[in-house]
Amino acid sequence: VLDQDLAILEEKSATITDSSSNEEKVYYKAWEKSNRLYLMFMRMTVTDSIKTAKDVCAERA
């Protein structure tokens, strides 16, 4: 759960290569995980908002 906002607060690092340090590899993996979690959260939030709006509109019709 820590570093969930890493992708929001920090820029994505350069692509990892064979010559990248262990620290760079760990950071890159953490950033990728944070980005996936954030995108998943955004999809869930948008989907729920659209469903709610759709239900409200259907009730008013």
PDB file of N, CA and C in Angstrom:
ATOM      1  N   VAL A   1       0.825  -1.185   0.000  1.00  0.00           N
ATOM      2  CA  VAL A   1       0.000   0.000   0.000  1.00  0.00           C
ATOM      3  C   VAL A   1       0.874   1.255   0.000  1.00  0.00           C
ATOM      4  N   LEU A   2       2.060   1.145   0.557  1.00  0.00           N
ATOM      5  CA  LEU A   2       2.973   2.274   0.503  1.00  0.00           C
ATOM      6  C   LEU A   2       3.348   2.551  -0.943  1.00  0.00           C
ATOM      7  N   ASP A   3       3.663   3.771  -1.242  1.00  0.00           N
ATOM      8  CA  ASP A   3       4.058   4.191  -2.586  1.00  0.00           C
ATOM      9  C   ASP A   3       2.912   4.128  -3.586  1.00  0.00           C
ATOM     10  N   GLN A   4       1.670   4.100  -3.130  1.00  0.00           N
ATOM     11  CA  GLN A   4       0.563   4.091  -4.073  1.00  0.00           C
ATOM     12  C   GLN A   4       0.540   5.352  -4.908  1.00  0.00           C
ATOM     13  N   ASP A   5       0.991   6.451  -4.358  1.00  0.00           N
ATOM     14  CA  ASP A   5       0.963   7.709  -5.083  1.00  0.00           C
ATOM     15  C   ASP A   5       2.279   8.018  -5.789  1.00  0.00           C
ATOM     16  N   LEU A   6       3.167   7.063  -5.857  1.00  0.00           N
ATOM     17  CA  LEU A   6       4.465   7.262  -6.489  1.00  0.00           C
ATOM     18  C   LEU A   6       4.305   7.696  -7.940  1.00  0.00           C
ATOM     19  N   ALA A   7       3.410   7.071  -8.680  1.00  0.00           N
ATOM     20  CA  ALA A   7       3.220   7.399 -10.092  1.00  0.00           C
ATOM     21  C   ALA A   7       2.630   8.792 -10.273  1.00  0.00           C
ATOM     22  N   ILE A   8       1.929   9.297  -9.274  1.00  0.00           N
ATOM     23  CA  ILE A   8       1.345  10.633  -9.361  1.00  0.00           C
ATOM     24  C   ILE A   8       2.381  11.693  -9.017  1.00  0.00           C
ATOM     25  N   LEU A   9       3.200  11.412  -8.027  1.00  0.00           N
ATOM     26  CA  LEU A   9       4.142  12.406  -7.519  1.00  0.00           C
ATOM     27  C   LEU A   9       5.479  12.433  -8.247  1.00  0.00           C
ATOM     28  N   GLU A  10       5.866  11.329  -8.834  1.00  0.00           N
ATOM     29  CA  GLU A  10       7.193  11.226  -9.448  1.00  0.00           C
ATOM     30  C   GLU A  10       7.077  10.902 -10.932  1.00  0.00           C
ATOM     31  N   GLU A  11       8.030  11.402 -11.706  1.00  0.00           N
ATOM     32  CA  GLU A  11       8.088  11.085 -13.124  1.00  0.00           C
ATOM     33  C   GLU A  11       8.559   9.645 -13.310  1.00  0.00           C
ATOM     34  N   LYS A  12       8.139   9.046 -14.399  1.00  0.00           N
ATOM     35  CA  LYS A  12       8.600   7.694 -14.713  1.00  0.00           C
ATOM     36  C   LYS A  12      10.082   7.763 -15.067  1.00  0.00           C
ATOM     37  N   SER A  13      10.835   6.826 -14.554  1.00  0.00           N
ATOM     38  CA  SER A  13      12.265   6.806 -14.842  1.00  0.00           C
ATOM     39  C   SER A  13      12.498   6.248 -16.243  1.00  0.00           C
ATOM     40  N   ALA A  14      13.718   6.367 -16.697  1.00  0.00           N
ATOM     41  CA  ALA A  14      14.082   5.816 -17.997  1.00  0.00           C
ATOM     42  C   ALA A  14      13.883   4.305 -17.981  1.00  0.00           C
ATOM     43  N   THR A  15      13.694   3.749 -19.132  1.00  0.00           N
ATOM     44  CA  THR A  15      13.504   2.307 -19.243  1.00  0.00           C
ATOM     45  C   THR A  15      14.713   1.568 -18.679  1.00  0.00           C
ATOM     46  N   ILE A  16      14.445   0.484 -18.007  1.00  0.00           N
ATOM     47  CA  ILE A  16      15.496  -0.312 -17.379  1.00  0.00           C
ATOM     48  C   ILE A  16      16.284  -1.074 -18.449  1.00  0.00           C
ATOM     49  N   THR A  17      17.588  -1.090 -18.276  1.00  0.00           N
ATOM     50  CA  THR A  17      18.475  -1.837 -19.167  1.00  0.00           C
ATOM     51  C   THR A  17      19.309  -2.800 -18.333  1.00  0.00           C
ATOM     52  N   ASP A  18      20.118  -3.586 -18.996  1.00  0.00           N
ATOM     53  CA  ASP A  18      20.994  -4.524 -18.286  1.00  0.00           C
ATOM     54  C   ASP A  18      21.989  -3.797 -17.389  1.00  0.00           C
ATOM     55  N   SER A  19      22.346  -2.574 -17.771  1.00  0.00           N
ATOM     56  CA  SER A  19      23.337  -1.830 -16.990  1.00  0.00           C
ATOM     57  C   SER A  19      22.717  -1.002 -15.864  1.00  0.00           C
ATOM     58  N   SER A  20      21.399  -1.047 -15.708  1.00  0.00           N
ATOM     59  CA  SER A  20      20.734  -0.288 -14.643  1.00  0.00           C
ATOM     60  C   SER A  20      21.106  -0.855 -13.279  1.00  0.00           C
ATOM     61  N   SER A  21      21.194   0.027 -12.300  1.00  0.00           N
ATOM     62  CA  SER A  21      21.525  -0.414 -10.943  1.00  0.00           C
ATOM     63  C   SER A  21      20.319  -1.100 -10.306  1.00  0.00           C
ATOM     64  N   ASN A  22      20.570  -1.827  -9.238  1.00  0.00           N
ATOM     65  CA  ASN A  22      19.474  -2.481  -8.513  1.00  0.00           C
ATOM     66  C   ASN A  22      18.490  -1.452  -7.986  1.00  0.00           C
ATOM     67  N   GLU A  23      18.988  -0.309  -7.532  1.00  0.00           N
ATOM     68  CA  GLU A  23      18.121   0.755  -7.024  1.00  0.00           C
ATOM     69  C   GLU A  23      17.196   1.267  -8.129  1.00  0.00           C
ATOM     70  N   GLU A  24      17.716   1.441  -9.329  1.00  0.00           N
ATOM     71  CA  GLU A  24      16.893   1.890 -10.454  1.00  0.00           C
ATOM     72  C   GLU A  24      15.841   0.844 -10.813  1.00  0.00           C
ATOM     73  N   LYS A  25      16.221  -0.421 -10.762  1.00  0.00           N
ATOM     74  CA  LYS A  25      15.280  -1.499 -11.072  1.00  0.00           C
ATOM     75  C   LYS A  25      14.158  -1.566 -10.045  1.00  0.00           C
ATOM     76  N   VAL A  26      14.505  -1.418  -8.771  1.00  0.00           N
ATOM     77  CA  VAL A  26      13.504  -1.441  -7.704  1.00  0.00           C
ATOM     78  C   VAL A  26      12.554  -0.250  -7.855  1.00  0.00           C
ATOM     79  N   TYR A  27      13.104   0.932  -8.117  1.00  0.00           N
ATOM     80  CA  TYR A  27      12.282   2.133  -8.299  1.00  0.00           C
ATOM     81  C   TYR A  27      11.338   1.954  -9.485  1.00  0.00           C
ATOM     82  N   TYR A  28      11.850   1.449 -10.597  1.00  0.00           N
ATOM     83  CA  TYR A  28      11.044   1.261 -11.803  1.00  0.00           C
ATOM     84  C   TYR A  28       9.886   0.305 -11.531  1.00  0.00           C
ATOM     85  N   LYS A  29      10.174  -0.803 -10.850  1.00  0.00           N
ATOM     86  CA  LYS A  29       9.118  -1.770 -10.528  1.00  0.00           C
ATOM     87  C   LYS A  29       8.080  -1.155  -9.589  1.00  0.00           C
ATOM     88  N   ALA A  30       8.531  -0.381  -8.608  1.00  0.00           N
ATOM     89  CA  ALA A  30       7.604   0.276  -7.679  1.00  0.00           C
ATOM     90  C   ALA A  30       6.742   1.289  -8.417  1.00  0.00           C
ATOM     91  N   TRP A  31       7.349   2.038  -9.343  1.00  0.00           N
ATOM     92  CA  TRP A  31       6.598   3.040 -10.109  1.00  0.00           C
ATOM     93  C   TRP A  31       5.559   2.347 -10.984  1.00  0.00           C
ATOM     94  N   GLU A  32       5.948   1.270 -11.654  1.00  0.00           N
ATOM     95  CA  GLU A  32       5.017   0.523 -12.508  1.00  0.00           C
ATOM     96  C   GLU A  32       3.841  -0.019 -11.694  1.00  0.00           C
ATOM     97  N   LYS A  33       4.115  -0.568 -10.525  1.00  0.00           N
ATOM     98  CA  LYS A  33       3.054  -1.096  -9.667  1.00  0.00           C
ATOM     99  C   LYS A  33       2.121   0.030  -9.229  1.00  0.00           C
ATOM    100  N   SER A  34       2.692   1.143  -8.824  1.00  0.00           N
ATOM    101  CA  SER A  34       1.900   2.291  -8.409  1.00  0.00           C
ATOM    102  C   SER A  34       1.018   2.773  -9.555  1.00  0.00           C
ATOM    103  N   ASN A  35       1.568   2.822 -10.740  1.00  0.00           N
ATOM    104  CA  ASN A  35       0.816   3.271 -11.906  1.00  0.00           C
ATOM    105  C   ASN A  35      -0.348   2.329 -12.208  1.00  0.00           C
ATOM    106  N   ARG A  36      -0.104   1.021 -12.151  1.00  0.00           N
ATOM    107  CA  ARG A  36      -1.180   0.049 -12.388  1.00  0.00           C
ATOM    108  C   ARG A  36      -2.291   0.189 -11.352  1.00  0.00           C
ATOM    109  N   LEU A  37      -1.922   0.350 -10.082  1.00  0.00           N
ATOM    110  CA  LEU A  37      -2.924   0.509  -9.027  1.00  0.00           C
ATOM    111  C   LEU A  37      -3.739   1.782  -9.226  1.00  0.00           C
ATOM    112  N   TYR A  38      -3.059   2.866  -9.590  1.00  0.00           N
ATOM    113  CA  TYR A  38      -3.748   4.136  -9.802  1.00  0.00           C
ATOM    114  C   TYR A  38      -4.717   4.032 -10.978  1.00  0.00           C
ATOM    115  N   LEU A  39      -4.282   3.411 -12.076  1.00  0.00           N
ATOM    116  CA  LEU A  39      -5.162   3.251 -13.232  1.00  0.00           C
ATOM    117  C   LEU A  39      -6.365   2.375 -12.898  1.00  0.00           C
ATOM    118  N   MET A  40      -6.143   1.314 -12.135  1.00  0.00           N
ATOM    119  CA  MET A  40      -7.236   0.439 -11.725  1.00  0.00           C
ATOM    120  C   MET A  40      -8.231   1.214 -10.848  1.00  0.00           C
ATOM    121  N   PHE A  41      -7.714   2.017  -9.924  1.00  0.00           N
ATOM    122  CA  PHE A  41      -8.574   2.834  -9.071  1.00  0.00           C
ATOM    123  C   PHE A  41      -9.386   3.816  -9.913  1.00  0.00           C
ATOM    124  N   MET A  42      -8.738   4.444 -10.891  1.00  0.00           N
ATOM    125  CA  MET A  42      -9.439   5.398 -11.751  1.00  0.00           C
ATOM    126  C   MET A  42     -10.546   4.706 -12.538  1.00  0.00           C
ATOM    127  N   ARG A  43     -10.265   3.531 -13.062  1.00  0.00           N
ATOM    128  CA  ARG A  43     -11.295   2.794 -13.807  1.00  0.00           C
ATOM    129  C   ARG A  43     -12.484   2.461 -12.915  1.00  0.00           C
ATOM    130  N   MET A  44     -12.216   2.016 -11.700  1.00  0.00           N
ATOM    131  CA  MET A  44     -13.300   1.672 -10.779  1.00  0.00           C
ATOM    132  C   MET A  44     -14.108   2.912 -10.427  1.00  0.00           C
ATOM    133  N   THR A  45     -13.442   4.021 -10.174  1.00  0.00           N
ATOM    134  CA  THR A  45     -14.119   5.254  -9.792  1.00  0.00           C
ATOM    135  C   THR A  45     -14.977   5.779 -10.928  1.00  0.00           C
ATOM    136  N   VAL A  46     -14.433   5.826 -12.119  1.00  0.00           N
ATOM    137  CA  VAL A  46     -15.185   6.318 -13.266  1.00  0.00           C
ATOM    138  C   VAL A  46     -16.357   5.400 -13.553  1.00  0.00           C
ATOM    139  N   THR A  47     -16.131   4.122 -13.512  1.00  0.00           N
ATOM    140  CA  THR A  47     -17.198   3.166 -13.776  1.00  0.00           C
ATOM    141  C   THR A  47     -18.324   3.323 -12.764  1.00  0.00           C
ATOM    142  N   ASP A  48     -18.003   3.434 -11.482  1.00  0.00           N
ATOM    143  CA  ASP A  48     -19.026   3.607 -10.451  1.00  0.00           C
ATOM    144  C   ASP A  48     -19.781   4.916 -10.641  1.00  0.00           C
ATOM    145  N   SER A  49     -19.084   5.974 -11.000  1.00  0.00           N
ATOM    146  CA  SER A  49     -19.735   7.265 -11.213  1.00  0.00           C
ATOM    147  C   SER A  49     -20.698   7.199 -12.384  1.00  0.00           C
ATOM    148  N   ILE A  50     -20.296   6.551 -13.441  1.00  0.00           N
ATOM    149  CA  ILE A  50     -21.163   6.430 -14.611  1.00  0.00           C
ATOM    150  C   ILE A  50     -22.375   5.575 -14.275  1.00  0.00           C
ATOM    151  N   LYS A  51     -22.168   4.487 -13.548  1.00  0.00           N
ATOM    152  CA  LYS A  51     -23.294   3.633 -13.158  1.00  0.00           C
ATOM    153  C   LYS A  51     -24.284   4.406 -12.301  1.00  0.00           C
ATOM    154  N   THR A  52     -23.777   5.194 -11.360  1.00  0.00           N
ATOM    155  CA  THR A  52     -24.648   5.978 -10.485  1.00  0.00           C
ATOM    156  C   THR A  52     -25.438   6.995 -11.292  1.00  0.00           C
ATOM    157  N   ALA A  53     -24.773   7.700 -12.190  1.00  0.00           N
ATOM    158  CA  ALA A  53     -25.450   8.702 -13.017  1.00  0.00           C
ATOM    159  C   ALA A  53     -26.496   8.042 -13.904  1.00  0.00           C
ATOM    160  N   LYS A  54     -26.176   6.881 -14.433  1.00  0.00           N
ATOM    161  CA  LYS A  54     -27.114   6.153 -15.287  1.00  0.00           C
ATOM    162  C   LYS A  54     -28.350   5.759 -14.487  1.00  0.00           C
ATOM    163  N   ASP A  55     -28.161   5.274 -13.268  1.00  0.00           N
ATOM    164  CA  ASP A  55     -29.285   4.877 -12.419  1.00  0.00           C
ATOM    165  C   ASP A  55     -30.156   6.075 -12.057  1.00  0.00           C
ATOM    166  N   VAL A  56     -29.527   7.211 -11.744  1.00  0.00           N
ATOM    167  CA  VAL A  56     -30.281   8.420 -11.390  1.00  0.00           C
ATOM    168  C   VAL A  56     -31.099   8.890 -12.578  1.00  0.00           C
ATOM    169  N   CYS A  57     -30.514   8.881 -13.763  1.00  0.00           N
ATOM    170  CA  CYS A  57     -31.236   9.301 -14.968  1.00  0.00           C
ATOM    171  C   CYS A  57     -32.398   8.368 -15.266  1.00  0.00           C
ATOM    172  N   ALA A  58     -32.197   7.081 -15.060  1.00  0.00           N
ATOM    173  CA  ALA A  58     -33.259   6.106 -15.316  1.00  0.00           C
ATOM    174  C   ALA A  58     -34.415   6.300 -14.343  1.00  0.00           C
ATOM    175  N   GLU A  59     -34.116   6.659 -13.083  1.00  0.00           N
ATOM    176  CA  GLU A  59     -35.159   6.881 -12.085  1.00  0.00           C
ATOM    177  C   GLU A  59     -35.983   8.116 -12.422  1.00  0.00           C
ATOM    178  N   ARG A  60     -35.368   9.116 -13.004  1.00  0.00           N
ATOM    179  CA  ARG A  60     -36.070  10.363 -13.329  1.00  0.00           C
ATOM    180  C   ARG A  60     -36.910  10.236 -14.589  1.00  0.00           C
ATOM    181  N   ALA A  61     -36.627   9.251 -15.413  1.00  0.00           N
ATOM    182  CA  ALA A  61     -37.340   9.111 -16.691  1.00  0.00           C
ATOM    183  C   ALA A  61     -38.729   8.555 -16.495  1.00  0.00           C
TER     184      ALA A  61
END
